Amino acid sequence: MPVMAPVAARELQGHFTTALGALDELALTDAPRDLPFWRAHIVDLKANAQMLELGAPKAGS
């Protein structure tokens, strides 16, 4: 099992922004069929990281 290092939420924002940019640069012919799912998943993760950064409670808490 790899050692997990804590990552600050604001650092995650940069990773998510980079990931979204990479997905947006894919040519439609090279993109996987489930690209919209993965893009939406990253957008959701980015929003969750932003809520953690702001100290907002999670939905349902």
PDB file of N, CA and C in Angstrom:
ATOM      1  N   MET A   1       0.846  -1.170   0.000  1.00  0.00           N
ATOM      2  CA  MET A   1       0.000   0.000   0.000  1.00  0.00           C
ATOM      3  C   MET A   1       0.891   1.233   0.000  1.00  0.00           C
ATOM      4  N   PRO A   2       0.664   2.162  -0.916  1.00  0.00           N
ATOM      5  CA  PRO A   2       1.495   3.373  -0.944  1.00  0.00           C
ATOM      6  C   PRO A   2       1.207   4.263   0.265  1.00  0.00           C
ATOM      7  N   VAL A   3       2.205   4.996   0.659  1.00  0.00           N
ATOM      8  CA  VAL A   3       2.046   5.950   1.754  1.00  0.00           C
ATOM      9  C   VAL A   3       1.254   7.137   1.228  1.00  0.00           C
ATOM     10  N   MET A   4       0.247   7.542   1.965  1.00  0.00           N
ATOM     11  CA  MET A   4      -0.586   8.663   1.546  1.00  0.00           C
ATOM     12  C   MET A   4      -0.144   9.922   2.283  1.00  0.00           C
ATOM     13  N   ALA A   5       0.154  10.943   1.535  1.00  0.00           N
ATOM     14  CA  ALA A   5       0.523  12.227   2.121  1.00  0.00           C
ATOM     15  C   ALA A   5      -0.684  13.144   2.051  1.00  0.00           C
ATOM     16  N   PRO A   6      -0.970  13.866   3.131  1.00  0.00           N
ATOM     17  CA  PRO A   6      -2.102  14.793   3.063  1.00  0.00           C
ATOM     18  C   PRO A   6      -1.850  15.884   2.022  1.00  0.00           C
ATOM     19  N   VAL A   7      -2.890  16.205   1.296  1.00  0.00           N
ATOM     20  CA  VAL A   7      -2.797  17.238   0.262  1.00  0.00           C
ATOM     21  C   VAL A   7      -3.794  18.328   0.617  1.00  0.00           C
ATOM     22  N   ALA A   8      -3.322  19.552   0.646  1.00  0.00           N
ATOM     23  CA  ALA A   8      -4.204  20.675   0.948  1.00  0.00           C
ATOM     24  C   ALA A   8      -5.260  20.810  -0.144  1.00  0.00           C
ATOM     25  N   ALA A   9      -6.478  21.190   0.239  1.00  0.00           N
ATOM     26  CA  ALA A   9      -7.571  21.315  -0.724  1.00  0.00           C
ATOM     27  C   ALA A   9      -7.225  22.273  -1.845  1.00  0.00           C
ATOM     28  N   ARG A  10      -6.517  23.359  -1.532  1.00  0.00           N
ATOM     29  CA  ARG A  10      -6.209  24.320  -2.604  1.00  0.00           C
ATOM     30  C   ARG A  10      -5.256  23.716  -3.628  1.00  0.00           C
ATOM     31  N   GLU A  11      -4.392  22.779  -3.204  1.00  0.00           N
ATOM     32  CA  GLU A  11      -3.528  22.097  -4.161  1.00  0.00           C
ATOM     33  C   GLU A  11      -4.356  21.184  -5.058  1.00  0.00           C
ATOM     34  N   LEU A  12      -5.388  20.600  -4.488  1.00  0.00           N
ATOM     35  CA  LEU A  12      -6.264  19.745  -5.286  1.00  0.00           C
ATOM     36  C   LEU A  12      -6.946  20.537  -6.386  1.00  0.00           C
ATOM     37  N   GLN A  13      -7.307  21.785  -6.108  1.00  0.00           N
ATOM     38  CA  GLN A  13      -7.960  22.613  -7.119  1.00  0.00           C
ATOM     39  C   GLN A  13      -7.113  22.695  -8.383  1.00  0.00           C
ATOM     40  N   GLY A  14      -5.825  22.863  -8.214  1.00  0.00           N
ATOM     41  CA  GLY A  14      -4.923  22.927  -9.361  1.00  0.00           C
ATOM     42  C   GLY A  14      -4.892  21.623 -10.136  1.00  0.00           C
ATOM     43  N   HIS A  15      -4.893  20.503  -9.411  1.00  0.00           N
ATOM     44  CA  HIS A  15      -4.896  19.193 -10.069  1.00  0.00           C
ATOM     45  C   HIS A  15      -6.191  18.988 -10.852  1.00  0.00           C
ATOM     46  N   PHE A  16      -7.313  19.364 -10.244  1.00  0.00           N
ATOM     47  CA  PHE A  16      -8.584  19.194 -10.922  1.00  0.00           C
ATOM     48  C   PHE A  16      -8.689  20.099 -12.145  1.00  0.00           C
ATOM     49  N   THR A  17      -8.204  21.322 -12.034  1.00  0.00           N
ATOM     50  CA  THR A  17      -8.216  22.246 -13.164  1.00  0.00           C
ATOM     51  C   THR A  17      -7.368  21.695 -14.309  1.00  0.00           C
ATOM     52  N   THR A  18      -6.207  21.148 -13.971  1.00  0.00           N
ATOM     53  CA  THR A  18      -5.337  20.552 -14.986  1.00  0.00           C
ATOM     54  C   THR A  18      -6.008  19.352 -15.637  1.00  0.00           C
ATOM     55  N   ALA A  19      -6.654  18.517 -14.829  1.00  0.00           N
ATOM     56  CA  ALA A  19      -7.337  17.339 -15.369  1.00  0.00           C
ATOM     57  C   ALA A  19      -8.461  17.745 -16.314  1.00  0.00           C
ATOM     58  N   LEU A  20      -9.243  18.733 -15.917  1.00  0.00           N
ATOM     59  CA  LEU A  20     -10.329  19.197 -16.787  1.00  0.00           C
ATOM     60  C   LEU A  20      -9.782  19.766 -18.090  1.00  0.00           C
ATOM     61  N   GLY A  21      -8.698  20.509 -17.996  1.00  0.00           N
ATOM     62  CA  GLY A  21      -8.076  21.053 -19.203  1.00  0.00           C
ATOM     63  C   GLY A  21      -7.606  19.957 -20.143  1.00  0.00           C
ATOM     64  N   ALA A  22      -7.016  18.905 -19.567  1.00  0.00           N
ATOM     65  CA  ALA A  22      -6.547  17.790 -20.391  1.00  0.00           C
ATOM     66  C   ALA A  22      -7.717  17.085 -21.073  1.00  0.00           C
ATOM     67  N   LEU A  23      -8.803  16.895 -20.337  1.00  0.00           N
ATOM     68  CA  LEU A  23      -9.978  16.258 -20.938  1.00  0.00           C
ATOM     69  C   LEU A  23     -10.576  17.128 -22.041  1.00  0.00           C
ATOM     70  N   ASP A  24     -10.596  18.420 -21.812  1.00  0.00           N
ATOM     71  CA  ASP A  24     -11.160  19.338 -22.805  1.00  0.00           C
ATOM     72  C   ASP A  24     -10.332  19.405 -24.079  1.00  0.00           C
ATOM     73  N   GLU A  25      -9.055  19.055 -23.985  1.00  0.00           N
ATOM     74  CA  GLU A  25      -8.180  19.093 -25.160  1.00  0.00           C
ATOM     75  C   GLU A  25      -8.263  17.830 -26.004  1.00  0.00           C
ATOM     76  N   LEU A  26      -8.929  16.789 -25.483  1.00  0.00           N
ATOM     77  CA  LEU A  26      -9.037  15.547 -26.248  1.00  0.00           C
ATOM     78  C   LEU A  26      -9.876  15.766 -27.501  1.00  0.00           C
ATOM     79  N   ALA A  27      -9.379  15.236 -28.598  1.00  0.00           N
ATOM     80  CA  ALA A  27     -10.177  15.256 -29.832  1.00  0.00           C
ATOM     81  C   ALA A  27     -11.328  14.277 -29.651  1.00  0.00           C
ATOM     82  N   LEU A  28     -12.482  14.586 -30.217  1.00  0.00           N
ATOM     83  CA  LEU A  28     -13.645  13.708 -30.075  1.00  0.00           C
ATOM     84  C   LEU A  28     -13.342  12.290 -30.547  1.00  0.00           C
ATOM     85  N   THR A  29     -12.492  12.158 -31.539  1.00  0.00           N
ATOM     86  CA  THR A  29     -12.155  10.827 -32.050  1.00  0.00           C
ATOM     87  C   THR A  29     -11.248  10.060 -31.093  1.00  0.00           C
ATOM     88  N   ASP A  30     -10.537  10.760 -30.219  1.00  0.00           N
ATOM     89  CA  ASP A  30      -9.637  10.119 -29.262  1.00  0.00           C
ATOM     90  C   ASP A  30     -10.263   9.956 -27.879  1.00  0.00           C
ATOM     91  N   ALA A  31     -11.367  10.627 -27.641  1.00  0.00           N
ATOM     92  CA  ALA A  31     -11.986  10.626 -26.314  1.00  0.00           C
ATOM     93  C   ALA A  31     -12.726   9.315 -26.064  1.00  0.00           C
ATOM     94  N   PRO A  32     -12.694   8.843 -24.824  1.00  0.00           N
ATOM     95  CA  PRO A  32     -13.484   7.646 -24.507  1.00  0.00           C
ATOM     96  C   PRO A  32     -14.978   7.969 -24.569  1.00  0.00           C
ATOM     97  N   ARG A  33     -15.775   6.948 -24.756  1.00  0.00           N
ATOM     98  CA  ARG A  33     -17.225   7.165 -24.877  1.00  0.00           C
ATOM     99  C   ARG A  33     -17.832   7.711 -23.596  1.00  0.00           C
ATOM    100  N   ASP A  34     -17.206   7.415 -22.466  1.00  0.00           N
ATOM    101  CA  ASP A  34     -17.746   7.877 -21.186  1.00  0.00           C
ATOM    102  C   ASP A  34     -17.085   9.170 -20.699  1.00  0.00           C
ATOM    103  N   LEU A  35     -16.533   9.933 -21.629  1.00  0.00           N
ATOM    104  CA  LEU A  35     -15.876  11.193 -21.275  1.00  0.00           C
ATOM    105  C   LEU A  35     -16.793  12.131 -20.490  1.00  0.00           C
ATOM    106  N   PRO A  36     -18.049  12.302 -20.861  1.00  0.00           N
ATOM    107  CA  PRO A  36     -18.912  13.196 -20.072  1.00  0.00           C
ATOM    108  C   PRO A  36     -19.028  12.758 -18.611  1.00  0.00           C
ATOM    109  N   PHE A  37     -19.073  11.442 -18.370  1.00  0.00           N
ATOM    110  CA  PHE A  37     -19.128  10.952 -16.990  1.00  0.00           C
ATOM    111  C   PHE A  37     -17.879  11.364 -16.231  1.00  0.00           C
ATOM    112  N   TRP A  38     -16.706  11.113 -16.800  1.00  0.00           N
ATOM    113  CA  TRP A  38     -15.455  11.417 -16.095  1.00  0.00           C
ATOM    114  C   TRP A  38     -15.276  12.915 -15.903  1.00  0.00           C
ATOM    115  N   ARG A  39     -15.692  13.707 -16.864  1.00  0.00           N
ATOM    116  CA  ARG A  39     -15.589  15.158 -16.714  1.00  0.00           C
ATOM    117  C   ARG A  39     -16.495  15.631 -15.577  1.00  0.00           C
ATOM    118  N   ALA A  40     -17.727  15.114 -15.536  1.00  0.00           N
ATOM    119  CA  ALA A  40     -18.661  15.480 -14.473  1.00  0.00           C
ATOM    120  C   ALA A  40     -18.138  15.020 -13.112  1.00  0.00           C
ATOM    121  N   HIS A  41     -17.499  13.869 -13.078  1.00  0.00           N
ATOM    122  CA  HIS A  41     -16.936  13.356 -11.827  1.00  0.00           C
ATOM    123  C   HIS A  41     -15.840  14.281 -11.308  1.00  0.00           C
ATOM    124  N   ILE A  42     -14.979  14.751 -12.190  1.00  0.00           N
ATOM    125  CA  ILE A  42     -13.911  15.667 -11.773  1.00  0.00           C
ATOM    126  C   ILE A  42     -14.499  16.997 -11.315  1.00  0.00           C
ATOM    127  N   VAL A  43     -15.511  17.485 -12.004  1.00  0.00           N
ATOM    128  CA  VAL A  43     -16.171  18.732 -11.587  1.00  0.00           C
ATOM    129  C   VAL A  43     -16.739  18.566 -10.178  1.00  0.00           C
ATOM    130  N   ASP A  44     -17.344  17.408  -9.892  1.00  0.00           N
ATOM    131  CA  ASP A  44     -17.898  17.140  -8.571  1.00  0.00           C
ATOM    132  C   ASP A  44     -16.788  17.074  -7.516  1.00  0.00           C
ATOM    133  N   LEU A  45     -15.708  16.385  -7.824  1.00  0.00           N
ATOM    134  CA  LEU A  45     -14.590  16.309  -6.884  1.00  0.00           C
ATOM    135  C   LEU A  45     -14.005  17.695  -6.612  1.00  0.00           C
ATOM    136  N   LYS A  46     -13.911  18.503  -7.655  1.00  0.00           N
ATOM    137  CA  LYS A  46     -13.382  19.857  -7.506  1.00  0.00           C
ATOM    138  C   LYS A  46     -14.279  20.687  -6.582  1.00  0.00           C
ATOM    139  N   ALA A  47     -15.592  20.556  -6.742  1.00  0.00           N
ATOM    140  CA  ALA A  47     -16.531  21.285  -5.879  1.00  0.00           C
ATOM    141  C   ALA A  47     -16.416  20.815  -4.436  1.00  0.00           C
ATOM    142  N   ASN A  48     -16.265  19.501  -4.226  1.00  0.00           N
ATOM    143  CA  ASN A  48     -16.095  18.978  -2.869  1.00  0.00           C
ATOM    144  C   ASN A  48     -14.810  19.492  -2.232  1.00  0.00           C
ATOM    145  N   ALA A  49     -13.742  19.542  -2.992  1.00  0.00           N
ATOM    146  CA  ALA A  49     -12.479  20.059  -2.469  1.00  0.00           C
ATOM    147  C   ALA A  49     -12.606  21.529  -2.106  1.00  0.00           C
ATOM    148  N   GLN A  50     -13.358  22.277  -2.913  1.00  0.00           N
ATOM    149  CA  GLN A  50     -13.558  23.694  -2.623  1.00  0.00           C
ATOM    150  C   GLN A  50     -14.356  23.866  -1.328  1.00  0.00           C
ATOM    151  N   MET A  51     -15.371  23.026  -1.130  1.00  0.00           N
ATOM    152  CA  MET A  51     -16.137  23.094   0.120  1.00  0.00           C
ATOM    153  C   MET A  51     -15.243  22.774   1.322  1.00  0.00           C
ATOM    154  N   LEU A  52     -14.356  21.782   1.174  1.00  0.00           N
ATOM    155  CA  LEU A  52     -13.442  21.459   2.270  1.00  0.00           C
ATOM    156  C   LEU A  52     -12.503  22.625   2.565  1.00  0.00           C
ATOM    157  N   GLU A  53     -12.025  23.260   1.501  1.00  0.00           N
ATOM    158  CA  GLU A  53     -11.121  24.397   1.664  1.00  0.00           C
ATOM    159  C   GLU A  53     -11.811  25.539   2.416  1.00  0.00           C
ATOM    160  N   LEU A  54     -13.086  25.746   2.113  1.00  0.00           N
ATOM    161  CA  LEU A  54     -13.838  26.822   2.729  1.00  0.00           C
ATOM    162  C   LEU A  54     -14.356  26.436   4.116  1.00  0.00           C
ATOM    163  N   GLY A  55     -14.217  25.155   4.459  1.00  0.00           N
ATOM    164  CA  GLY A  55     -14.672  24.690   5.758  1.00  0.00           C
ATOM    165  C   GLY A  55     -16.171  24.480   5.831  1.00  0.00           C
ATOM    166  N   ALA A  56     -16.808  24.369   4.667  1.00  0.00           N
ATOM    167  CA  ALA A  56     -18.249  24.171   4.647  1.00  0.00           C
ATOM    168  C   ALA A  56     -18.570  22.728   4.999  1.00  0.00           C
ATOM    169  N   PRO A  57     -19.673  22.491   5.701  1.00  0.00           N
ATOM    170  CA  PRO A  57     -20.057  21.105   6.014  1.00  0.00           C
ATOM    171  C   PRO A  57     -20.473  20.360   4.758  1.00  0.00           C
ATOM    172  N   LYS A  58     -20.291  19.038   4.773  1.00  0.00           N
ATOM    173  CA  LYS A  58     -20.699  18.205   3.646  1.00  0.00           C
ATOM    174  C   LYS A  58     -22.209  18.139   3.593  1.00  0.00           C
ATOM    175  N   ALA A  59     -22.732  17.908   2.398  1.00  0.00           N
ATOM    176  CA  ALA A  59     -24.175  17.770   2.232  1.00  0.00           C
ATOM    177  C   ALA A  59     -24.656  16.585   3.058  1.00  0.00           C
ATOM    178  N   GLY A  60     -25.766  16.753   3.745  1.00  0.00           N
ATOM    179  CA  GLY A  60     -26.321  15.699   4.564  1.00  0.00           C
ATOM    180  C   GLY A  60     -25.731  15.625   5.948  1.00  0.00           C
ATOM    181  N   SER A  61     -24.816  16.537   6.276  1.00  0.00           N
ATOM    182  CA  SER A  61     -24.208  16.516   7.622  1.00  0.00           C
ATOM    183  C   SER A  61     -24.935  17.450   8.549  1.00  0.00           C
TER     184      SER A  61
END
